C-alpha atoms as a PDB file:
ATOM      1  CA  VAL A   1      82.702-128.908   4.464  1.00  0.00           C
ATOM      2  CA  GLN A   2      79.123-128.971   4.614  1.00  0.00           C
ATOM      3  CA  LEU A   3      76.914-132.170   6.284  1.00  0.00           C
ATOM      4  CA  GLN A   4      73.038-132.118   6.281  1.00  0.00           C
ATOM      5  CA  ALA A   5      71.325-133.972   9.630  1.00  0.00           C
ATOM      6  CA  SER A   6      68.001-135.361   9.050  1.00  0.00           C
ATOM      7  CA  GLY A   7      65.755-137.952  10.169  1.00  0.00           C
ATOM      8  CA  GLY A   8      65.206-137.194  14.207  1.00  0.00           C
ATOM      9  CA  GLY A   9      61.990-137.285  15.830  1.00  0.00           C
ATOM     10  CA  LEU A  10      59.614-137.929  18.708  1.00  0.00           C
ATOM     11  CA  VAL A  11      59.211-142.040  19.456  1.00  0.00           C
ATOM     12  CA  GLN A  12      58.076-144.445  22.053  1.00  0.00           C
ATOM     13  CA  THR A  13      60.578-146.269  23.863  1.00  0.00           C
ATOM     14  CA  GLY A  14      61.494-149.148  21.862  1.00  0.00           C
ATOM     15  CA  GLY A  15      60.891-147.482  18.676  1.00  0.00           C
ATOM     16  CA  SER A  16      63.060-146.586  15.744  1.00  0.00           C
ATOM     17  CA  LEU A  17      64.549-143.951  13.662  1.00  0.00           C
ATOM     18  CA  ARG A  18      66.585-143.348  10.737  1.00  0.00           C
ATOM     19  CA  LEU A  19      69.180-140.483  10.748  1.00  0.00           C
ATOM     20  CA  SER A  20      71.008-139.573   7.176  1.00  0.00           C
ATOM     21  CA  CYS A  21      73.874-137.381   6.879  1.00  0.00           C
ATOM     22  CA  THR A  22      74.770-136.031   3.321  1.00  0.00           C
ATOM     23  CA  ALA A  23      77.251-134.339   2.661  1.00  0.00           C
ATOM     24  CA  ALA A  24      77.291-132.096  -0.283  1.00  0.00           C
ATOM     25  CA  SER A  25      80.742-132.529  -1.748  1.00  0.00           C
ATOM     26  CA  SER A  26      82.047-135.550  -2.768  1.00  0.00           C
ATOM     27  CA  THR A  27      86.051-134.414  -2.451  1.00  0.00           C
ATOM     28  CA  PHE A  28      86.472-136.957   0.584  1.00  0.00           C
ATOM     29  CA  SER A  29      85.261-140.838   2.031  1.00  0.00           C
ATOM     30  CA  ILE A  30      82.134-140.082   3.359  1.00  0.00           C
ATOM     31  CA  SER A  31      83.714-143.003   5.639  1.00  0.00           C
ATOM     32  CA  ASP A  32      85.772-140.068   7.490  1.00  0.00           C
ATOM     33  CA  ILE A  33      81.505-139.105   8.354  1.00  0.00           C
ATOM     34  CA  ASP A  34      80.991-139.923  12.235  1.00  0.00           C
ATOM     35  CA  TRP A  35      78.096-139.706  14.150  1.00  0.00           C
ATOM     36  CA  TYR A  36      77.840-138.214  17.671  1.00  0.00           C
ATOM     37  CA  ARG A  37      74.633-137.216  20.393  1.00  0.00           C
ATOM     38  CA  GLN A  38      74.463-134.453  22.975  1.00  0.00           C
ATOM     39  CA  ALA A  39      72.095-135.034  25.735  1.00  0.00           C
ATOM     40  CA  PRO A  40      70.767-131.958  27.570  1.00  0.00           C
ATOM     41  CA  GLY A  41      73.558-130.864  30.386  1.00  0.00           C
ATOM     42  CA  GLN A  42      75.590-133.798  28.785  1.00  0.00           C
ATOM     43  CA  GLN A  43      79.126-134.101  26.585  1.00  0.00           C
ATOM     44  CA  ARG A  44      79.196-134.371  23.346  1.00  0.00           C
ATOM     45  CA  GLU A  45      79.498-137.876  22.596  1.00  0.00           C
ATOM     46  CA  PHE A  46      80.785-140.478  19.796  1.00  0.00           C
ATOM     47  CA  VAL A  47      78.451-142.991  18.892  1.00  0.00           C
ATOM     48  CA  ALA A  48      79.223-144.580  15.636  1.00  0.00           C
ATOM     49  CA  GLY A  49      81.519-144.273  13.044  1.00  0.00           C
ATOM     50  CA  PHE A  50      83.750-146.342  10.709  1.00  0.00           C
ATOM     51  CA  ASN A  51      87.686-147.219  11.294  1.00  0.00           C
ATOM     52  CA  VAL A  52      90.959-147.033   8.527  1.00  0.00           C
ATOM     53  CA  ALA A  53      89.271-150.645   7.726  1.00  0.00           C
ATOM     54  CA  GLY A  54      86.048-149.459   6.377  1.00  0.00           C
ATOM     55  CA  ASN A  55      84.526-151.262   9.809  1.00  0.00           C
ATOM     56  CA  GLN A  56      81.918-150.229  11.721  1.00  0.00           C
ATOM     57  CA  VAL A  57      82.676-148.688  14.979  1.00  0.00           C
ATOM     58  CA  TYR A  58      80.227-148.185  17.642  1.00  0.00           C
ATOM     59  CA  ALA A  59      79.920-146.426  21.325  1.00  0.00           C
ATOM     60  CA  ASN A  60      79.788-149.196  23.886  1.00  0.00           C
ATOM     61  CA  PHE A  61      76.413-147.980  25.391  1.00  0.00           C
ATOM     62  CA  VAL A  62      75.108-148.732  21.660  1.00  0.00           C
ATOM     63  CA  LYS A  63      75.239-152.822  22.535  1.00  0.00           C
ATOM     64  CA  GLY A  64      73.891-153.789  19.285  1.00  0.00           C
ATOM     65  CA  ARG A  65      70.927-151.528  18.658  1.00  0.00           C
ATOM     66  CA  PHE A  66      72.030-149.177  16.456  1.00  0.00           C
ATOM     67  CA  THR A  67      73.832-149.598  12.543  1.00  0.00           C
ATOM     68  CA  ILE A  68      76.103-147.017  11.199  1.00  0.00           C
ATOM     69  CA  SER A  69      75.887-147.360   7.007  1.00  0.00           C
ATOM     70  CA  LYS A  70      76.640-145.551   3.929  1.00  0.00           C
ATOM     71  CA  ASP A  71      75.418-144.719   0.346  1.00  0.00           C
ATOM     72  CA  ASN A  72      78.640-143.573  -1.805  1.00  0.00           C
ATOM     73  CA  VAL A  73      76.318-142.564  -4.538  1.00  0.00           C
ATOM     74  CA  LYS A  74      73.984-140.159  -2.440  1.00  0.00           C
ATOM     75  CA  ASN A  75      77.002-139.302  -0.498  1.00  0.00           C
ATOM     76  CA  THR A  76      75.198-140.409   2.718  1.00  0.00           C
ATOM     77  CA  VAL A  77      76.056-141.933   5.863  1.00  0.00           C
ATOM     78  CA  TYR A  78      72.625-143.377   8.121  1.00  0.00           C
ATOM     79  CA  LEU A  79      72.516-144.053  11.483  1.00  0.00           C
ATOM     80  CA  HIS A  80      69.397-146.813  11.597  1.00  0.00           C
ATOM     81  CA  LEU A  81      68.218-146.505  15.303  1.00  0.00           C
ATOM     82  CA  THR A  82      66.354-149.876  16.903  1.00  0.00           C
ATOM     83  CA  ASN A  83      64.973-150.269  20.064  1.00  0.00           C
ATOM     84  CA  LEU A  84      65.197-146.577  21.804  1.00  0.00           C
ATOM     85  CA  LYS A  85      65.306-145.828  25.292  1.00  0.00           C
ATOM     86  CA  PRO A  86      64.743-142.145  27.115  1.00  0.00           C
ATOM     87  CA  GLU A  87      68.399-141.998  27.558  1.00  0.00           C
ATOM     88  CA  ASP A  88      69.334-142.080  23.924  1.00  0.00           C
ATOM     89  CA  THR A  89      66.968-138.666  23.946  1.00  0.00           C
ATOM     90  CA  ALA A  90      69.618-136.096  22.366  1.00  0.00           C
ATOM     91  CA  VAL A  91      70.512-134.064  19.475  1.00  0.00           C
ATOM     92  CA  TYR A  92      72.665-136.449  16.935  1.00  0.00           C
ATOM     93  CA  TYR A  93      75.557-134.950  14.774  1.00  0.00           C
ATOM     94  CA  CYS A  94      77.743-135.746  12.190  1.00  0.00           C
ATOM     95  CA  ARG A  95      81.080-135.082  11.923  1.00  0.00           C
ATOM     96  CA  GLY A  96      83.312-134.872   9.068  1.00  0.00           C
ATOM     97  CA  PRO A  97      86.907-134.147   8.526  1.00  0.00           C
ATOM     98  CA  GLY A  98      88.454-130.830   9.434  1.00  0.00           C
ATOM     99  CA  ASP A  99      86.470-131.387  12.266  1.00  0.00           C
ATOM    100  CA  SER A 100      83.403-130.278  10.366  1.00  0.00           C
ATOM    101  CA  TRP A 101      79.879-130.282  12.002  1.00  0.00           C
ATOM    102  CA  GLY A 102      76.481-131.092  10.612  1.00  0.00           C
ATOM    103  CA  GLN A 103      73.393-128.633  12.099  1.00  0.00           C
ATOM    104  CA  GLY A 104      72.388-131.901  14.437  1.00  0.00           C
ATOM    105  CA  THR A 105      68.827-133.894  14.440  1.00  0.00           C
ATOM    106  CA  GLN A 106      66.735-133.893  17.937  1.00  0.00           C
ATOM    107  CA  VAL A 107      65.531-137.506  18.503  1.00  0.00           C
ATOM    108  CA  THR A 108      63.650-137.440  21.749  1.00  0.00           C
ATOM    109  CA  VAL A 109      62.287-141.375  23.124  1.00  0.00           C
ATOM    110  CA  SER A 110      59.638-141.477  25.531  1.00  0.00           C
ATOM    111  CA  SER A 111      58.692-143.569  28.497  1.00  0.00           C
END
Protein backbone atom coordinates (compact mmCIF):
# COMPACT_ATOMS: atom_id res chain seq x y z
CA VAL A 1 0.00 0.00 0.00
CA GLN A 2 1.53 3.32 -1.07
CA LEU A 3 0.76 6.29 1.15
CA GLN A 4 1.76 9.91 0.58
CA ALA A 5 1.83 12.23 3.57
CA SER A 6 2.04 16.01 3.27
CA GLY A 7 1.11 19.27 4.96
CA GLY A 8 3.76 19.66 7.61
CA GLY A 9 5.62 22.87 8.26
CA LEU A 10 6.90 25.38 10.78
CA VAL A 11 4.33 27.17 12.94
CA GLN A 12 4.34 29.17 16.12
CA THR A 13 2.84 27.97 19.39
CA GLY A 14 -0.94 28.06 19.07
CA GLY A 15 -0.84 27.65 15.32
CA SER A 16 -2.59 25.13 13.10
CA LEU A 17 -1.76 22.76 10.27
CA ARG A 18 -3.68 20.25 8.22
CA LEU A 19 -1.85 17.06 7.32
CA SER A 20 -2.97 14.84 4.47
CA CYS A 21 -2.36 11.17 3.76
CA THR A 22 -3.40 9.98 0.33
CA ALA A 23 -3.55 6.32 -0.64
CA ALA A 24 -2.41 5.42 -4.14
CA SER A 25 -5.09 2.76 -4.48
CA SER A 26 -8.64 2.20 -3.32
CA THR A 27 -8.35 -1.50 -2.59
CA PHE A 28 -8.85 -0.99 1.13
CA SER A 29 -10.88 1.23 3.40
CA ILE A 30 -9.13 4.50 4.23
CA SER A 31 -10.64 4.12 7.69
CA ASP A 32 -7.76 1.69 8.18
CA ILE A 33 -5.28 4.59 8.01
CA ASP A 34 -3.91 5.87 11.31
CA TRP A 35 -1.64 8.77 12.20
CA TYR A 36 1.51 8.36 14.29
CA ARG A 37 4.33 10.70 15.20
CA GLN A 38 7.95 10.41 16.24
CA ALA A 39 9.84 13.13 18.05
CA PRO A 40 13.65 13.22 18.06
CA GLY A 41 15.02 10.52 20.35
CA GLN A 42 11.54 9.21 21.08
CA GLN A 43 9.59 6.15 20.02
CA ARG A 44 6.92 6.42 17.41
CA GLU A 45 3.50 6.90 19.04
CA PHE A 46 -0.11 6.67 18.00
CA VAL A 47 -1.91 9.98 17.46
CA ALA A 48 -5.31 9.29 15.87
CA GLY A 49 -7.28 6.79 13.87
CA PHE A 50 -10.66 5.15 13.41
CA ASN A 51 -11.97 2.15 15.34
CA VAL A 52 -13.86 -0.76 13.80
CA ALA A 53 -17.14 1.14 14.19
CA GLY A 54 -15.68 4.03 12.21
CA ASN A 55 -15.43 6.34 15.20
CA GLN A 56 -12.48 8.65 15.75
CA VAL A 57 -9.92 7.51 18.30
CA TYR A 58 -7.25 9.76 19.77
CA ALA A 59 -4.22 9.53 22.02
CA ASN A 60 -4.69 11.10 25.43
CA PHE A 61 -2.25 13.91 24.71
CA VAL A 62 -4.46 15.19 21.86
CA LYS A 63 -7.04 16.54 24.34
CA GLY A 64 -9.39 17.93 21.72
CA ARG A 65 -6.69 19.75 19.74
CA PHE A 66 -6.47 17.41 16.74
CA THR A 67 -9.19 16.10 14.45
CA ILE A 68 -8.96 13.17 12.06
CA SER A 69 -11.26 13.09 9.07
CA LYS A 70 -11.44 11.36 5.69
CA ASP A 71 -12.53 11.90 2.12
CA ASN A 72 -13.42 8.58 0.53
CA VAL A 73 -13.60 10.11 -2.95
CA LYS A 74 -10.05 11.46 -2.70
CA ASN A 75 -8.72 8.38 -0.83
CA THR A 76 -7.35 10.81 1.73
CA VAL A 77 -7.25 10.95 5.51
CA TYR A 78 -6.61 14.31 7.13
CA LEU A 79 -5.24 15.27 10.51
CA HIS A 80 -6.12 18.81 11.50
CA LEU A 81 -3.76 20.08 14.18
CA THR A 82 -4.77 23.10 16.24
CA ASN A 83 -3.42 24.87 19.32
CA LEU A 84 -0.01 23.39 18.57
CA LYS A 85 2.64 23.26 21.27
CA PRO A 86 6.42 22.88 21.01
CA GLU A 87 6.08 19.32 22.33
CA ASP A 88 4.05 18.47 19.23
CA THR A 89 7.21 18.86 17.16
CA ALA A 90 7.76 15.53 15.40
CA VAL A 91 7.66 13.72 12.11
CA TYR A 92 4.06 12.70 11.51
CA TYR A 93 3.45 9.42 9.67
CA CYS A 94 0.38 7.72 8.34
CA ARG A 95 0.10 3.97 8.56
CA GLY A 96 -2.08 1.76 6.42
CA PRO A 97 -3.00 -1.92 6.23
CA GLY A 98 -0.21 -4.45 6.32
CA ASP A 99 1.85 -2.06 8.45
CA SER A 100 2.60 0.13 5.45
CA TRP A 101 3.94 3.60 6.19
CA GLY A 102 4.02 6.90 4.36
CA GLN A 103 7.28 8.84 4.22
CA GLY A 104 6.39 11.22 7.04
CA THR A 105 5.91 14.96 7.17
CA GLN A 106 7.78 17.24 9.57
CA VAL A 107 5.84 19.43 11.99
CA THR A 108 7.89 21.99 13.90
CA VAL A 109 6.31 24.24 16.51
CA SER A 110 8.36 27.19 17.71
CA SER A 111 7.92 28.74 21.15
